[in-house]
Amino acid sequence: MGPKQCLVCNQAASKYKCPSCLLPYCSLTCFKKHKEIPCSMPVASEQNQKSTANPESRVERPLNVDEPGEVVKRSQHEATASSSDIRDALKDEDLQKLICAIDSSLDPESELDKAMEVEVFRTFTNKILSTISS
């Protein structure tokens, strides 16, 4: 099965998917054209809706950034992804469960506050902060 086609220009192979509605697109130009009309996540089937009780399911939410300086730069993201310290920490099942609980929560800030009370999560966040600030 070959690559999917961009559903905006219908000419190129899609390399990306819209984070809101999962529409395949090929470039920033097509993404901007697509975003001229508001879109949203496709309606889930009844079976998919049942799976939202699963702690590993993901809650889609808009990305709101009050301070652009707080956004992680690509180089910081790459440093985090390549850190053996962080990768080793992510092998901890308790840490994985905390991260999944935050990601699947309807109130992620509250879940994050709870997770910060747990030693393994505080240690993990300190490793990330140390990596992105160096």
C-alpha atoms as a PDB file:
ATOM      1  CA  MET A   1       0.000   0.000   0.000  1.00  0.00           C
ATOM      2  CA  GLY A   2       1.534   3.297  -1.069  1.00  0.00           C
ATOM      3  CA  PRO A   3       1.516   6.648   0.697  1.00  0.00           C
ATOM      4  CA  LYS A   4      -1.783   8.458   1.066  1.00  0.00           C
ATOM      5  CA  GLN A   5      -2.537  11.479  -1.059  1.00  0.00           C
ATOM      6  CA  CYS A   6      -2.838  15.002   0.320  1.00  0.00           C
ATOM      7  CA  LEU A   7      -6.561  15.731   0.626  1.00  0.00           C
ATOM      8  CA  VAL A   8      -6.026  19.495   0.316  1.00  0.00           C
ATOM      9  CA  CYS A   9      -4.216  19.786  -3.024  1.00  0.00           C
ATOM     10  CA  ASN A  10      -4.896  16.204  -4.200  1.00  0.00           C
ATOM     11  CA  GLN A  11      -1.519  16.232  -5.967  1.00  0.00           C
ATOM     12  CA  ALA A  12       1.242  15.183  -3.569  1.00  0.00           C
ATOM     13  CA  ALA A  13       1.706  12.314  -1.152  1.00  0.00           C
ATOM     14  CA  SER A  14       0.704  13.296   2.373  1.00  0.00           C
ATOM     15  CA  LYS A  15       3.467  13.399   4.945  1.00  0.00           C
ATOM     16  CA  TYR A  16       1.411  14.761   7.845  1.00  0.00           C
ATOM     17  CA  LYS A  17      -2.014  14.598   9.478  1.00  0.00           C
ATOM     18  CA  CYS A  18      -3.990  17.504  10.915  1.00  0.00           C
ATOM     19  CA  PRO A  19      -3.832  17.226  14.729  1.00  0.00           C
ATOM     20  CA  SER A  20      -7.502  18.202  14.968  1.00  0.00           C
ATOM     21  CA  CYS A  21      -9.266  16.129  12.317  1.00  0.00           C
ATOM     22  CA  LEU A  22      -6.514  13.757  11.082  1.00  0.00           C
ATOM     23  CA  LEU A  23      -6.874  14.922   7.462  1.00  0.00           C
ATOM     24  CA  PRO A  24      -3.731  13.992   5.494  1.00  0.00           C
ATOM     25  CA  TYR A  25      -1.790  16.930   4.007  1.00  0.00           C
ATOM     26  CA  CYS A  26       1.574  17.367   2.315  1.00  0.00           C
ATOM     27  CA  SER A  27       2.960  20.770   3.299  1.00  0.00           C
ATOM     28  CA  LEU A  28       2.664  23.859   5.467  1.00  0.00           C
ATOM     29  CA  THR A  29       0.898  25.617   2.588  1.00  0.00           C
ATOM     30  CA  CYS A  30      -1.781  22.920   2.423  1.00  0.00           C
ATOM     31  CA  PHE A  31      -2.072  22.878   6.224  1.00  0.00           C
ATOM     32  CA  LYS A  32      -2.700  26.646   6.295  1.00  0.00           C
ATOM     33  CA  LYS A  33      -5.255  26.327   3.503  1.00  0.00           C
ATOM     34  CA  HIS A  34      -6.976  23.492   5.405  1.00  0.00           C
ATOM     35  CA  LYS A  35      -7.070  25.565   8.612  1.00  0.00           C
ATOM     36  CA  GLU A  36      -8.951  28.401   6.873  1.00  0.00           C
ATOM     37  CA  ILE A  37     -12.082  26.409   7.748  1.00  0.00           C
ATOM     38  CA  PRO A  38     -12.326  25.193  11.378  1.00  0.00           C
ATOM     39  CA  CYS A  39     -12.121  21.432  11.739  1.00  0.00           C
ATOM     40  CA  SER A  40     -12.550  18.998  14.592  1.00  0.00           C
ATOM     41  CA  MET A  41     -11.833  15.414  15.558  1.00  0.00           C
ATOM     42  CA  PRO A  42     -13.946  12.881  13.664  1.00  0.00           C
ATOM     43  CA  VAL A  43     -16.884  11.496  15.629  1.00  0.00           C
ATOM     44  CA  ALA A  44     -15.780   8.271  17.282  1.00  0.00           C
ATOM     45  CA  SER A  45     -17.715   5.065  16.897  1.00  0.00           C
ATOM     46  CA  GLU A  46     -19.504   3.617  19.935  1.00  0.00           C
ATOM     47  CA  GLN A  47     -16.666   1.111  20.365  1.00  0.00           C
ATOM     48  CA  ASN A  48     -14.037   3.876  20.409  1.00  0.00           C
ATOM     49  CA  GLN A  49     -16.073   5.880  22.920  1.00  0.00           C
ATOM     50  CA  LYS A  50     -16.045   2.896  25.278  1.00  0.00           C
ATOM     51  CA  SER A  51     -12.260   2.862  25.126  1.00  0.00           C
ATOM     52  CA  THR A  52     -12.010   6.364  26.629  1.00  0.00           C
ATOM     53  CA  ALA A  53     -12.257   4.739  30.061  1.00  0.00           C
ATOM     54  CA  ASN A  54      -8.885   3.149  29.302  1.00  0.00           C
ATOM     55  CA  PRO A  55      -6.178   5.135  31.146  1.00  0.00           C
ATOM     56  CA  GLU A  56      -3.949   4.911  28.081  1.00  0.00           C
ATOM     57  CA  SER A  57      -6.474   6.648  25.814  1.00  0.00           C
ATOM     58  CA  ARG A  58      -5.595  10.142  24.727  1.00  0.00           C
ATOM     59  CA  VAL A  59      -7.723  13.206  25.329  1.00  0.00           C
ATOM     60  CA  GLU A  60      -7.628  15.670  22.451  1.00  0.00           C
ATOM     61  CA  ARG A  61      -7.418  19.266  23.600  1.00  0.00           C
ATOM     62  CA  PRO A  62      -6.397  22.518  21.968  1.00  0.00           C
ATOM     63  CA  LEU A  63      -2.861  23.730  22.509  1.00  0.00           C
ATOM     64  CA  ASN A  64      -2.925  27.116  24.216  1.00  0.00           C
ATOM     65  CA  VAL A  65       0.380  28.870  24.823  1.00  0.00           C
ATOM     66  CA  ASP A  66       0.355  31.993  26.977  1.00  0.00           C
ATOM     67  CA  GLU A  67       4.122  32.491  26.868  1.00  0.00           C
ATOM     68  CA  PRO A  68       5.787  31.550  23.549  1.00  0.00           C
ATOM     69  CA  GLY A  69       9.109  31.365  25.427  1.00  0.00           C
ATOM     70  CA  GLU A  70       7.743  28.354  27.338  1.00  0.00           C
ATOM     71  CA  VAL A  71       7.480  26.241  24.181  1.00  0.00           C
ATOM     72  CA  VAL A  72      10.210  23.616  23.946  1.00  0.00           C
ATOM     73  CA  LYS A  73      12.522  24.291  21.004  1.00  0.00           C
ATOM     74  CA  ARG A  74      13.297  21.509  18.530  1.00  0.00           C
ATOM     75  CA  SER A  75      16.879  21.225  19.811  1.00  0.00           C
ATOM     76  CA  GLN A  76      15.591  20.874  23.398  1.00  0.00           C
ATOM     77  CA  HIS A  77      13.088  18.234  22.291  1.00  0.00           C
ATOM     78  CA  GLU A  78      15.822  16.311  20.473  1.00  0.00           C
ATOM     79  CA  ALA A  79      18.113  16.514  23.519  1.00  0.00           C
ATOM     80  CA  THR A  80      15.310  15.124  25.691  1.00  0.00           C
ATOM     81  CA  ALA A  81      14.529  12.335  23.220  1.00  0.00           C
ATOM     82  CA  SER A  82      18.179  11.308  22.982  1.00  0.00           C
ATOM     83  CA  SER A  83      18.906  11.416  26.729  1.00  0.00           C
ATOM     84  CA  SER A  84      19.690   7.938  28.066  1.00  0.00           C
ATOM     85  CA  ASP A  85      18.852   9.193  31.584  1.00  0.00           C
ATOM     86  CA  ILE A  86      15.329  10.136  30.486  1.00  0.00           C
ATOM     87  CA  ARG A  87      14.856   6.965  28.423  1.00  0.00           C
ATOM     88  CA  ASP A  88      15.942   4.853  31.419  1.00  0.00           C
ATOM     89  CA  ALA A  89      13.549   6.738  33.711  1.00  0.00           C
ATOM     90  CA  LEU A  90      10.681   6.067  31.292  1.00  0.00           C
ATOM     91  CA  LYS A  91      11.123   2.314  31.804  1.00  0.00           C
ATOM     92  CA  ASP A  92       9.558   2.698  35.283  1.00  0.00           C
ATOM     93  CA  GLU A  93       5.976   1.386  35.146  1.00  0.00           C
ATOM     94  CA  ASP A  94       4.777   3.734  37.904  1.00  0.00           C
ATOM     95  CA  LEU A  95       6.103   6.713  35.957  1.00  0.00           C
ATOM     96  CA  GLN A  96       4.408   5.430  32.788  1.00  0.00           C
ATOM     97  CA  LYS A  97       1.085   5.172  34.646  1.00  0.00           C
ATOM     98  CA  LEU A  98       1.421   8.728  35.988  1.00  0.00           C
ATOM     99  CA  ILE A  99       2.163  10.111  32.522  1.00  0.00           C
ATOM    100  CA  CYS A 100      -0.793   8.196  31.029  1.00  0.00           C
ATOM    101  CA  ALA A 101      -3.061   9.500  33.801  1.00  0.00           C
ATOM    102  CA  ILE A 102      -2.049  13.086  33.001  1.00  0.00           C
ATOM    103  CA  ASP A 103      -2.403  12.578  29.237  1.00  0.00           C
ATOM    104  CA  SER A 104      -5.836  10.959  29.459  1.00  0.00           C
ATOM    105  CA  SER A 105      -7.264  13.278  32.116  1.00  0.00           C
ATOM    106  CA  LEU A 106      -9.988  15.805  31.446  1.00  0.00           C
ATOM    107  CA  ASP A 107      -8.190  17.985  34.026  1.00  0.00           C
ATOM    108  CA  PRO A 108      -4.486  17.457  33.214  1.00  0.00           C
ATOM    109  CA  GLU A 109      -3.271  20.342  35.381  1.00  0.00           C
ATOM    110  CA  SER A 110      -4.818  18.749  38.467  1.00  0.00           C
ATOM    111  CA  GLU A 111      -3.289  15.366  37.535  1.00  0.00           C
ATOM    112  CA  LEU A 112       0.078  17.052  37.018  1.00  0.00           C
ATOM    113  CA  ASP A 113      -0.153  18.633  40.478  1.00  0.00           C
ATOM    114  CA  LYS A 114      -0.877  15.190  41.984  1.00  0.00           C
ATOM    115  CA  ALA A 115       2.002  13.617  40.052  1.00  0.00           C
ATOM    116  CA  MET A 116       4.426  16.258  41.339  1.00  0.00           C
ATOM    117  CA  GLU A 117       3.838  14.841  44.835  1.00  0.00           C
ATOM    118  CA  VAL A 118       5.332  11.504  43.706  1.00  0.00           C
ATOM    119  CA  GLU A 119       9.122  11.171  43.979  1.00  0.00           C
ATOM    120  CA  VAL A 120       9.612   9.248  40.697  1.00  0.00           C
ATOM    121  CA  PHE A 121       7.744  11.941  38.746  1.00  0.00           C
ATOM    122  CA  ARG A 122       9.618  14.827  40.407  1.00  0.00           C
ATOM    123  CA  THR A 123      12.918  13.129  39.617  1.00  0.00           C
ATOM    124  CA  PHE A 124      11.803  12.610  36.012  1.00  0.00           C
ATOM    125  CA  THR A 125      10.752  16.259  35.551  1.00  0.00           C
ATOM    126  CA  ASN A 126      14.032  17.442  37.077  1.00  0.00           C
ATOM    127  CA  LYS A 127      15.929  15.325  34.525  1.00  0.00           C
ATOM    128  CA  ILE A 128      13.921  16.904  31.713  1.00  0.00           C
ATOM    129  CA  LEU A 129      14.436  20.442  33.032  1.00  0.00           C
ATOM    130  CA  SER A 130      18.158  19.776  33.442  1.00  0.00           C
ATOM    131  CA  THR A 131      18.368  18.458  29.869  1.00  0.00           C
ATOM    132  CA  ILE A 132      16.478  21.313  28.212  1.00  0.00           C
ATOM    133  CA  SER A 133      18.247  24.041  30.187  1.00  0.00           C
ATOM    134  CA  SER A 134      21.762  22.878  29.256  1.00  0.00           C
END
